[in-house]
Amino acid sequence: MPEPEGLWLVRHGETEWSASGRHTSRTDVPLTATGEQEACDLSGALSAHWFQLVLSSPRQRARCTAELAGFRPEIDEDLAEWDYGDLEGLTIDQIRARYPGWTIWTGPWPGGEEPADVAARADRVVRRVLALGGGARALIFAHGHVLRVLAARWLGLAGTEGRLLVLGTATLSELGWEHGQPIVRRWNMPAAAIAVSSL
């Protein structure tokens, strides 16, 4: 089957918890006023393109980002953020006070998802996009860690290799193909950079 043209990824706009570095998964925090403006700023670049499939995490911060950017996404539970379990709401400094040297990629994950769990969800999303076939383009609104895992899986890497792909709020990234090889076309682009790019 011919490959789809590409997969575009948008991390949601700023929330109070993302601004303060608190790990946010199940907690359904809203966008800040800054986050709402960030989402609106994405609409210019995105509105110039047609997407055969637009998906969002069920969390309001992702859904509202999609809506403010001009889309009515289909909700996909597989795009929920990595479940941090007992670490929900904590900053990395607070977590490392309990678990020295901790990262989300290496754990531990008390009461939460392990990397293989998140990668399995990402794989289902990738398969859904690939099933669109040749020339199709998909757009996803979700969260930092799950999108990093998804990008790694698109590239055929272990989900934990998402550790190499930093992702800011309200940024746009584009995954695609070159000569049959999955690639990263653009990564972690804020609206201001998108406006002056060839995107």
Protein backbone atom coordinates (compact mmCIF):
# COMPACT_ATOMS: atom_id res chain seq x y z
CA MET A 1 0.00 0.00 0.00
CA PRO A 2 1.38 3.48 -0.82
CA GLU A 3 2.42 5.49 2.23
CA PRO A 4 0.34 8.45 3.43
CA GLU A 5 1.87 11.83 2.71
CA GLY A 6 2.53 12.53 6.32
CA LEU A 7 1.52 12.89 9.94
CA TRP A 8 1.44 16.31 11.61
CA LEU A 9 1.67 16.55 15.38
CA VAL A 10 0.62 19.45 17.60
CA ARG A 11 1.31 19.56 21.32
CA HIS A 12 -1.38 21.42 23.23
CA GLY A 13 -0.94 25.02 24.35
CA GLU A 14 0.33 26.14 27.72
CA THR A 15 -1.43 25.14 30.95
CA GLU A 16 -0.57 26.21 34.48
CA TRP A 17 0.88 22.78 35.10
CA SER A 18 3.00 22.69 31.92
CA ALA A 19 4.32 26.17 32.71
CA SER A 20 5.39 25.04 36.19
CA GLY A 21 6.81 21.69 35.04
CA ARG A 22 4.22 19.50 36.76
CA HIS A 23 3.65 16.11 35.14
CA THR A 24 0.11 16.21 33.78
CA SER A 25 -1.74 13.20 32.47
CA ARG A 26 -5.22 12.41 33.79
CA THR A 27 -5.67 15.79 35.50
CA ASP A 28 -7.82 17.75 33.07
CA VAL A 29 -6.32 21.22 33.43
CA PRO A 30 -7.44 23.96 31.00
CA LEU A 31 -5.28 26.12 28.78
CA THR A 32 -4.03 29.40 30.21
CA ALA A 33 -4.78 32.63 28.35
CA THR A 34 -1.29 32.28 26.85
CA GLY A 35 -2.10 28.72 25.79
CA GLU A 36 -5.32 29.84 24.12
CA GLN A 37 -3.43 32.48 22.16
CA GLU A 38 -0.77 29.94 21.18
CA ALA A 39 -3.48 27.66 19.83
CA CYS A 40 -5.07 30.50 17.85
CA ASP A 41 -1.67 31.38 16.41
CA LEU A 42 -1.39 27.88 14.92
CA SER A 43 -4.55 28.28 12.86
CA GLY A 44 -2.90 30.30 10.09
CA ALA A 45 -0.39 27.63 9.16
CA LEU A 46 -2.81 24.75 9.59
CA SER A 47 -5.80 26.26 7.80
CA ALA A 48 -3.91 26.29 4.50
CA HIS A 49 -3.83 22.48 4.43
CA TRP A 50 -6.36 19.69 4.06
CA PHE A 51 -6.27 16.76 6.47
CA GLN A 52 -8.10 13.51 5.82
CA LEU A 53 -7.99 12.63 9.52
CA VAL A 54 -7.83 14.93 12.56
CA LEU A 55 -7.50 13.28 15.96
CA SER A 56 -7.19 14.57 19.50
CA SER A 57 -6.52 13.30 22.96
CA PRO A 58 -9.65 13.32 25.12
CA ARG A 59 -8.14 15.88 27.51
CA GLN A 60 -9.52 19.40 27.24
CA ARG A 61 -6.12 21.02 26.80
CA ALA A 62 -5.65 19.08 23.55
CA ARG A 63 -9.26 19.38 22.38
CA CYS A 64 -9.35 23.13 23.01
CA THR A 65 -6.06 23.59 21.17
CA ALA A 66 -7.55 21.79 18.18
CA GLU A 67 -10.75 23.83 18.29
CA LEU A 68 -8.97 27.18 18.66
CA ALA A 69 -6.74 26.20 15.73
CA GLY A 70 -9.89 25.71 13.66
CA PHE A 71 -10.60 21.96 13.82
CA ARG A 72 -13.26 19.60 15.17
CA PRO A 73 -11.19 16.53 15.92
CA GLU A 74 -12.22 12.96 16.46
CA ILE A 75 -11.31 11.85 19.98
CA ASP A 76 -8.90 8.94 20.25
CA GLU A 77 -8.26 7.55 23.75
CA ASP A 78 -4.90 6.19 22.58
CA LEU A 79 -3.63 9.80 22.42
CA ALA A 80 -4.05 10.46 26.14
CA GLU A 81 -0.83 11.47 27.83
CA TRP A 82 1.46 8.90 29.46
CA ASP A 83 -0.22 7.90 32.73
CA TYR A 84 2.18 9.04 35.44
CA GLY A 85 0.37 7.17 38.20
CA ASP A 86 1.55 8.24 41.65
CA LEU A 87 3.82 10.86 40.08
CA GLU A 88 0.93 12.90 38.66
CA GLY A 89 1.25 16.59 39.44
CA LEU A 90 4.88 16.39 40.59
CA THR A 91 7.85 18.22 39.09
CA ILE A 92 10.98 16.33 38.13
CA ASP A 93 12.80 17.73 41.19
CA GLN A 94 10.07 16.41 43.46
CA ILE A 95 10.18 13.02 41.76
CA ARG A 96 13.97 12.83 41.96
CA ALA A 97 13.82 13.54 45.68
CA ARG A 98 12.13 10.12 45.88
CA TYR A 99 13.87 8.42 42.95
CA PRO A 100 17.34 9.89 42.29
CA GLY A 101 18.19 10.13 38.59
CA TRP A 102 14.59 9.45 37.56
CA THR A 103 13.36 10.09 34.01
CA ILE A 104 10.05 9.09 32.46
CA TRP A 105 12.05 6.93 30.04
CA THR A 106 13.85 4.89 32.68
CA GLY A 107 11.35 4.89 35.55
CA PRO A 108 10.23 3.68 37.95
CA TRP A 109 6.54 4.25 37.18
CA PRO A 110 4.65 3.58 40.43
CA GLY A 111 0.97 3.15 39.66
CA GLY A 112 1.46 4.37 36.07
CA GLU A 113 2.20 3.19 32.55
CA GLU A 114 5.51 1.72 31.47
CA PRO A 115 7.09 2.62 28.11
CA ALA A 116 5.76 -0.52 26.40
CA ASP A 117 2.20 0.46 27.36
CA VAL A 118 2.52 3.90 25.78
CA ALA A 119 4.28 2.48 22.72
CA ALA A 120 1.41 0.02 22.19
CA ARG A 121 -1.06 2.91 22.13
CA ALA A 122 1.18 4.87 19.77
CA ASP A 123 1.44 1.86 17.45
CA ARG A 124 -2.34 1.71 17.13
CA VAL A 125 -2.41 5.37 16.11
CA VAL A 126 0.40 4.87 13.58
CA ARG A 127 -1.43 1.90 12.06
CA ARG A 128 -4.56 4.00 11.78
CA VAL A 129 -2.68 6.71 9.90
CA LEU A 130 -0.92 4.23 7.62
CA ALA A 131 -4.28 2.70 6.74
CA LEU A 132 -5.29 6.02 5.13
CA GLY A 133 -3.10 5.09 2.16
CA GLY A 134 -1.23 7.09 -0.44
CA GLY A 135 -1.34 10.88 -0.42
CA ALA A 136 -3.28 11.17 2.83
CA ARG A 137 -2.34 13.61 5.57
CA ALA A 138 -3.30 13.29 9.24
CA LEU A 139 -3.20 15.85 12.08
CA ILE A 140 -2.97 14.97 15.75
CA PHE A 141 -3.42 17.16 18.83
CA ALA A 142 -2.01 15.59 21.98
CA HIS A 143 0.69 15.80 24.66
CA GLY A 144 4.43 15.99 24.97
CA HIS A 145 5.41 12.50 26.05
CA VAL A 146 2.87 10.49 24.06
CA LEU A 147 3.76 12.44 20.90
CA ARG A 148 7.46 11.83 21.45
CA VAL A 149 6.79 8.10 21.78
CA LEU A 150 4.56 8.20 18.70
CA ALA A 151 7.27 9.89 16.64
CA ALA A 152 9.82 7.29 17.73
CA ARG A 153 7.47 4.49 16.72
CA TRP A 154 6.78 6.16 13.35
CA LEU A 155 10.53 6.04 12.76
CA GLY A 156 10.68 2.35 13.71
CA LEU A 157 12.53 3.05 16.95
CA ALA A 158 11.82 1.91 20.48
CA GLY A 159 9.32 4.18 22.19
CA THR A 160 11.96 5.18 24.73
CA GLU A 161 13.93 6.86 21.93
CA GLY A 162 11.36 9.64 22.22
CA ARG A 163 13.77 10.87 24.91
CA LEU A 164 15.76 12.45 22.05
CA LEU A 165 12.82 14.55 20.78
CA VAL A 166 12.09 17.54 23.01
CA LEU A 167 8.65 19.04 22.38
CA GLY A 168 7.41 22.45 23.55
CA THR A 169 3.81 23.53 24.01
CA ALA A 170 1.82 24.68 20.97
CA THR A 171 4.46 23.44 18.54
CA LEU A 172 3.97 21.73 15.21
CA SER A 173 5.99 18.78 13.96
CA GLU A 174 5.76 16.88 10.70
CA LEU A 175 6.58 13.24 10.05
CA GLY A 176 6.69 11.83 6.56
CA TRP A 177 8.51 9.64 4.07
CA GLU A 178 11.53 9.85 1.81
CA HIS A 179 12.22 7.04 -0.67
CA GLY A 180 10.12 4.66 1.42
CA GLN A 181 11.89 5.58 4.66
CA PRO A 182 9.94 7.19 7.52
CA ILE A 183 11.49 10.54 8.42
CA VAL A 184 11.11 13.69 10.51
CA ARG A 185 10.51 16.63 8.17
CA ARG A 186 10.16 19.32 10.81
CA TRP A 187 10.18 19.19 14.59
CA ASN A 188 9.11 21.39 17.51
CA MET A 189 8.23 24.47 15.46
CA PRO A 190 6.40 27.32 17.24
CA ALA A 191 3.83 29.34 15.33
CA ALA A 192 6.25 32.19 14.67
CA ALA A 193 8.71 29.84 12.99
CA ILE A 194 5.96 28.14 11.01
CA ALA A 195 4.86 31.49 9.60
CA VAL A 196 8.23 32.06 7.92
CA SER A 197 8.89 28.46 6.88
CA SER A 198 7.90 26.67 3.71
CA LEU A 199 5.40 24.54 5.62
